[in-house]
C-alpha atoms as a PDB file:
ATOM      1  CA  MET A   1     194.119  32.087-195.132  1.00  0.00           C
ATOM      2  CA  ALA A   2     191.069  29.946-195.482  1.00  0.00           C
ATOM      3  CA  SER A   3     187.917  31.710-194.284  1.00  0.00           C
ATOM      4  CA  SER A   4     186.229  30.029-191.320  1.00  0.00           C
ATOM      5  CA  THR A   5     182.477  29.075-191.610  1.00  0.00           C
ATOM      6  CA  SER A   6     181.716  31.000-188.384  1.00  0.00           C
ATOM      7  CA  PRO A   7     183.127  34.253-186.902  1.00  0.00           C
ATOM      8  CA  SER A   8     183.149  32.549-183.518  1.00  0.00           C
ATOM      9  CA  ASN A   9     185.190  29.433-184.381  1.00  0.00           C
ATOM     10  CA  SER A  10     188.285  31.101-183.113  1.00  0.00           C
ATOM     11  CA  ASN A  11     186.551  32.340-179.867  1.00  0.00           C
ATOM     12  CA  SER A  12     186.066  30.093-176.805  1.00  0.00           C
ATOM     13  CA  SER A  13     182.717  31.727-176.131  1.00  0.00           C
ATOM     14  CA  SER A  14     179.671  33.338-177.994  1.00  0.00           C
ATOM     15  CA  TYR A  15     176.670  35.264-176.551  1.00  0.00           C
ATOM     16  CA  CYS A  16     173.440  35.805-178.528  1.00  0.00           C
ATOM     17  CA  VAL A  17     170.106  37.237-177.628  1.00  0.00           C
ATOM     18  CA  VAL A  18     166.853  35.843-179.281  1.00  0.00           C
ATOM     19  CA  THR A  19     163.225  36.627-178.705  1.00  0.00           C
ATOM     20  CA  ALA A  20     160.991  34.709-176.492  1.00  0.00           C
ATOM     21  CA  PRO A  21     157.119  34.994-175.885  1.00  0.00           C
ATOM     22  CA  PHE A  22     157.884  36.707-172.468  1.00  0.00           C
ATOM     23  CA  GLY A  23     160.871  38.817-173.425  1.00  0.00           C
ATOM     24  CA  CYS A  24     164.194  37.706-174.650  1.00  0.00           C
ATOM     25  CA  LEU A  25     166.718  34.830-173.943  1.00  0.00           C
ATOM     26  CA  GLY A  26     170.441  35.361-173.751  1.00  0.00           C
ATOM     27  CA  ILE A  27     172.336  32.217-174.666  1.00  0.00           C
ATOM     28  CA  LEU A  28     176.089  31.709-173.925  1.00  0.00           C
ATOM     29  CA  THR A  29     177.862  28.919-175.683  1.00  0.00           C
ATOM     30  CA  GLU A  30     181.535  27.947-174.813  1.00  0.00           C
ATOM     31  CA  LEU A  31     184.229  25.729-176.074  1.00  0.00           C
ATOM     32  CA  VAL A  32     185.002  23.331-173.153  1.00  0.00           C
ATOM     33  CA  GLU A  33     187.697  20.924-173.799  1.00  0.00           C
ATOM     34  CA  GLY A  34     187.205  20.978-177.463  1.00  0.00           C
ATOM     35  CA  SER A  35     183.408  20.682-177.444  1.00  0.00           C
ATOM     36  CA  LEU A  36     180.968  23.487-177.897  1.00  0.00           C
ATOM     37  CA  MET A  37     178.516  23.495-174.944  1.00  0.00           C
ATOM     38  CA  LEU A  38     175.649  25.587-173.608  1.00  0.00           C
ATOM     39  CA  SER A  39     177.011  27.513-170.691  1.00  0.00           C
ATOM     40  CA  ARG A  40     174.161  29.764-169.587  1.00  0.00           C
ATOM     41  CA  ILE A  41     170.538  30.924-170.338  1.00  0.00           C
ATOM     42  CA  ASP A  42     169.550  34.287-169.269  1.00  0.00           C
ATOM     43  CA  TYR A  43     165.930  35.554-169.017  1.00  0.00           C
ATOM     44  CA  LEU A  44     166.080  39.312-170.340  1.00  0.00           C
ATOM     45  CA  PRO A  45     163.528  41.964-170.756  1.00  0.00           C
ATOM     46  CA  ALA A  46     161.780  42.391-174.187  1.00  0.00           C
ATOM     47  CA  ASN A  47     163.592  45.653-174.851  1.00  0.00           C
ATOM     48  CA  THR A  48     167.002  43.929-174.843  1.00  0.00           C
ATOM     49  CA  ALA A  49     168.979  44.395-178.089  1.00  0.00           C
ATOM     50  CA  LEU A  50     168.849  41.205-180.268  1.00  0.00           C
ATOM     51  CA  ILE A  51     172.196  39.498-181.263  1.00  0.00           C
ATOM     52  CA  ALA A  52     172.022  36.715-183.968  1.00  0.00           C
ATOM     53  CA  PRO A  53     173.445  33.322-182.986  1.00  0.00           C
ATOM     54  CA  GLU A  54     176.868  32.818-184.504  1.00  0.00           C
ATOM     55  CA  ASN A  55     177.642  29.220-184.087  1.00  0.00           C
ATOM     56  CA  GLN A  56     175.759  25.952-184.685  1.00  0.00           C
ATOM     57  CA  LEU A  57     175.171  25.298-181.001  1.00  0.00           C
ATOM     58  CA  ALA A  58     173.645  28.608-180.451  1.00  0.00           C
ATOM     59  CA  LYS A  59     171.506  28.130-183.466  1.00  0.00           C
ATOM     60  CA  GLU A  60     170.380  24.785-182.133  1.00  0.00           C
ATOM     61  CA  VAL A  61     169.649  26.217-178.636  1.00  0.00           C
ATOM     62  CA  THR A  62     167.487  28.810-180.306  1.00  0.00           C
ATOM     63  CA  ARG A  63     165.705  26.203-182.425  1.00  0.00           C
ATOM     64  CA  GLN A  64     164.999  23.981-179.447  1.00  0.00           C
ATOM     65  CA  CYS A  65     163.762  26.962-177.229  1.00  0.00           C
ATOM     66  CA  LYS A  66     161.339  27.823-180.040  1.00  0.00           C
ATOM     67  CA  ALA A  67     160.242  24.304-180.345  1.00  0.00           C
ATOM     68  CA  TYR A  68     159.459  24.400-176.662  1.00  0.00           C
ATOM     69  CA  PHE A  69     157.483  27.697-177.029  1.00  0.00           C
ATOM     70  CA  LYS A  70     155.232  25.998-179.640  1.00  0.00           C
ATOM     71  CA  ASP A  71     155.041  22.597-177.637  1.00  0.00           C
ATOM     72  CA  PRO A  72     155.441  22.752-173.821  1.00  0.00           C
ATOM     73  CA  HIS A  73     156.167  18.996-173.765  1.00  0.00           C
ATOM     74  CA  TRP A  74     159.365  19.389-175.864  1.00  0.00           C
ATOM     75  CA  GLN A  75     162.224  17.499-174.648  1.00  0.00           C
ATOM     76  CA  PHE A  76     165.536  19.401-174.535  1.00  0.00           C
ATOM     77  CA  ASP A  77     168.696  17.611-175.821  1.00  0.00           C
ATOM     78  CA  LEU A  78     171.664  19.985-175.528  1.00  0.00           C
ATOM     79  CA  PRO A  79     175.172  19.627-174.412  1.00  0.00           C
ATOM     80  CA  THR A  80     175.594  21.662-171.204  1.00  0.00           C
ATOM     81  CA  LYS A  81     178.675  22.813-169.510  1.00  0.00           C
ATOM     82  CA  PRO A  82     179.332  21.042-166.259  1.00  0.00           C
ATOM     83  CA  ALA A  83     178.431  23.710-163.503  1.00  0.00           C
ATOM     84  CA  GLY A  84     177.477  24.054-159.822  1.00  0.00           C
ATOM     85  CA  THR A  85     178.171  22.194-156.638  1.00  0.00           C
ATOM     86  CA  GLU A  86     177.327  18.602-156.099  1.00  0.00           C
ATOM     87  CA  HIS A  87     174.215  19.699-154.210  1.00  0.00           C
ATOM     88  CA  GLN A  88     173.099  22.084-157.037  1.00  0.00           C
ATOM     89  CA  ARG A  89     173.479  19.476-159.738  1.00  0.00           C
ATOM     90  CA  LYS A  90     171.525  17.012-157.547  1.00  0.00           C
ATOM     91  CA  VAL A  91     168.762  19.515-157.407  1.00  0.00           C
ATOM     92  CA  TRP A  92     168.858  20.408-161.057  1.00  0.00           C
ATOM     93  CA  ALA A  93     168.790  16.679-162.008  1.00  0.00           C
ATOM     94  CA  SER A  94     165.781  16.150-159.749  1.00  0.00           C
ATOM     95  CA  ILE A  95     164.042  19.130-161.352  1.00  0.00           C
ATOM     96  CA  GLN A  96     164.434  17.691-164.810  1.00  0.00           C
ATOM     97  CA  GLU A  97     162.359  14.808-163.832  1.00  0.00           C
ATOM     98  CA  ILE A  98     159.348  16.938-163.200  1.00  0.00           C
ATOM     99  CA  PRO A  99     157.093  16.566-166.258  1.00  0.00           C
ATOM    100  CA  SER A 100     155.809  19.567-168.231  1.00  0.00           C
ATOM    101  CA  GLY A 101     152.557  20.732-166.757  1.00  0.00           C
ATOM    102  CA  LYS A 102     153.333  19.450-163.310  1.00  0.00           C
ATOM    103  CA  THR A 103     154.831  21.098-160.207  1.00  0.00           C
ATOM    104  CA  LYS A 104     156.618  20.092-157.002  1.00  0.00           C
ATOM    105  CA  THR A 105     157.124  22.131-153.946  1.00  0.00           C
ATOM    106  CA  TYR A 106     160.576  23.121-152.695  1.00  0.00           C
ATOM    107  CA  GLY A 107     159.909  20.663-149.723  1.00  0.00           C
ATOM    108  CA  GLU A 108     158.992  17.709-152.120  1.00  0.00           C
ATOM    109  CA  VAL A 109     162.150  18.167-154.049  1.00  0.00           C
ATOM    110  CA  ALA A 110     164.136  18.498-150.873  1.00  0.00           C
ATOM    111  CA  LYS A 111     162.678  15.328-149.370  1.00  0.00           C
ATOM    112  CA  LYS A 112     163.364  13.418-152.519  1.00  0.00           C
ATOM    113  CA  ILE A 113     167.223  14.353-152.479  1.00  0.00           C
ATOM    114  CA  LYS A 114     167.441  14.446-148.606  1.00  0.00           C
ATOM    115  CA  SER A 115     168.011  18.301-148.381  1.00  0.00           C
ATOM    116  CA  GLY A 116     166.346  21.331-147.131  1.00  0.00           C
ATOM    117  CA  ALA A 117     163.739  23.379-149.003  1.00  0.00           C
ATOM    118  CA  ARG A 118     165.702  26.609-148.553  1.00  0.00           C
ATOM    119  CA  ALA A 119     168.748  24.842-149.960  1.00  0.00           C
ATOM    120  CA  VAL A 120     166.644  23.724-152.999  1.00  0.00           C
ATOM    121  CA  GLY A 121     165.403  27.249-153.493  1.00  0.00           C
ATOM    122  CA  THR A 122     169.095  28.490-153.359  1.00  0.00           C
ATOM    123  CA  ALA A 123     170.135  25.933-155.990  1.00  0.00           C
ATOM    124  CA  CYS A 124     167.096  26.920-158.307  1.00  0.00           C
ATOM    125  CA  GLY A 125     168.235  30.559-158.087  1.00  0.00           C
ATOM    126  CA  ALA A 126     171.777  29.501-159.096  1.00  0.00           C
ATOM    127  CA  ASN A 127     170.609  27.380-162.146  1.00  0.00           C
ATOM    128  CA  PRO A 128     172.464  28.412-165.304  1.00  0.00           C
ATOM    129  CA  TYR A 129     169.953  26.568-167.594  1.00  0.00           C
ATOM    130  CA  PRO A 130     166.613  27.649-166.530  1.00  0.00           C
ATOM    131  CA  LEU A 131     164.487  26.264-169.337  1.00  0.00           C
ATOM    132  CA  ILE A 132     166.466  22.990-169.555  1.00  0.00           C
ATOM    133  CA  ALA A 133     166.461  22.384-165.707  1.00  0.00           C
ATOM    134  CA  PRO A 134     163.027  23.843-165.412  1.00  0.00           C
ATOM    135  CA  CYS A 135     163.121  25.440-161.971  1.00  0.00           C
ATOM    136  CA  HIS A 136     159.847  27.262-162.763  1.00  0.00           C
ATOM    137  CA  ARG A 137     158.185  23.942-161.903  1.00  0.00           C
ATOM    138  CA  VAL A 138     159.155  24.134-158.330  1.00  0.00           C
ATOM    139  CA  ILE A 139     156.825  26.205-156.197  1.00  0.00           C
ATOM    140  CA  SER A 140     156.315  27.180-152.622  1.00  0.00           C
ATOM    141  CA  ALA A 141     153.851  25.325-150.453  1.00  0.00           C
ATOM    142  CA  GLN A 142     151.999  28.685-150.016  1.00  0.00           C
ATOM    143  CA  GLY A 143     151.860  29.601-153.677  1.00  0.00           C
ATOM    144  CA  ILE A 144     154.000  30.303-156.664  1.00  0.00           C
ATOM    145  CA  GLY A 145     157.271  31.066-154.719  1.00  0.00           C
ATOM    146  CA  GLY A 146     160.264  33.062-155.940  1.00  0.00           C
ATOM    147  CA  PHE A 147     162.137  32.625-159.174  1.00  0.00           C
ATOM    148  CA  MET A 148     165.749  33.262-160.282  1.00  0.00           C
ATOM    149  CA  LYS A 149     166.436  34.809-156.829  1.00  0.00           C
ATOM    150  CA  GLU A 150     163.380  37.167-157.132  1.00  0.00           C
ATOM    151  CA  ASN A 151     160.854  36.886-154.275  1.00  0.00           C
ATOM    152  CA  SER A 152     158.565  39.805-155.263  1.00  0.00           C
ATOM    153  CA  PRO A 153     156.646  40.640-158.367  1.00  0.00           C
ATOM    154  CA  GLY A 154     158.841  41.535-161.220  1.00  0.00           C
ATOM    155  CA  LEU A 155     160.410  40.290-164.511  1.00  0.00           C
ATOM    156  CA  TYR A 156     161.401  36.778-163.398  1.00  0.00           C
ATOM    157  CA  ARG A 157     158.083  36.160-161.414  1.00  0.00           C
ATOM    158  CA  GLN A 158     156.143  37.116-164.626  1.00  0.00           C
ATOM    159  CA  ILE A 159     158.204  34.737-166.698  1.00  0.00           C
ATOM    160  CA  LYS A 160     157.594  31.894-164.168  1.00  0.00           C
ATOM    161  CA  LEU A 161     153.823  32.499-164.437  1.00  0.00           C
ATOM    162  CA  TRP A 162     154.050  32.516-168.143  1.00  0.00           C
ATOM    163  CA  LEU A 163     155.963  29.236-168.240  1.00  0.00           C
ATOM    164  CA  LEU A 164     153.605  27.522-165.931  1.00  0.00           C
ATOM    165  CA  LYS A 165     150.651  28.688-167.844  1.00  0.00           C
ATOM    166  CA  HIS A 166     152.112  27.753-171.142  1.00  0.00           C
ATOM    167  CA  GLU A 167     152.666  24.096-169.625  1.00  0.00           C
ATOM    168  CA  GLY A 168     149.144  24.010-168.312  1.00  0.00           C
ATOM    169  CA  ALA A 169     150.230  23.825-164.650  1.00  0.00           C
ATOM    170  CA  MET A 170     148.146  26.963-163.906  1.00  0.00           C
END
C-alpha cells in the first residue's frame, strides 16, 4: 500500500491547536464534497494543549493567521465551509467589509442589511470563522459590547480588546 502524504488524507476532518498572541486558536478543517475547507476557528485559552496542523489547509490557515498577527491589514483568502442561516451569512458578509482599524455598531450593521441590532449580535455570536469574518469590529453603541456570546469580562472579551488594539481601532 502506498503511504499517504498526510495522516489526515483518509479522514474527513482534522483539528489542530496553534498559538496566538492572546492564547490559542483551534482550527477545524473538513472535506466537503471533495474539497478541503475551513470549518471552524475557536478562540482557546493559552494553556490549551497544542496539536500540530496535519493537512495543507490547516497549515495555510495557520500561516495566514500568523500573517494577520504580524500585519493587522492582512487579507485572508481561505476556502470556508458554507455555514449559517441566510441572515447569518448576510451579517458575516457585511462584517467582512469593515476595514481593519475601523468599527461599526451592531445598529449600523443592522441598518445596512435591514435587520435588528440584537439579531446582528446573535449572528456574530454564531460566527464559525471569527478572524475571517471579523465580528470583533462590531461594537455596542455604549462601548465594546459582547463577543462570542460573552457579555461580561472574560477570555473572549479580552481577545476582542486585543484584536481591536492590534488593528489600531482602540
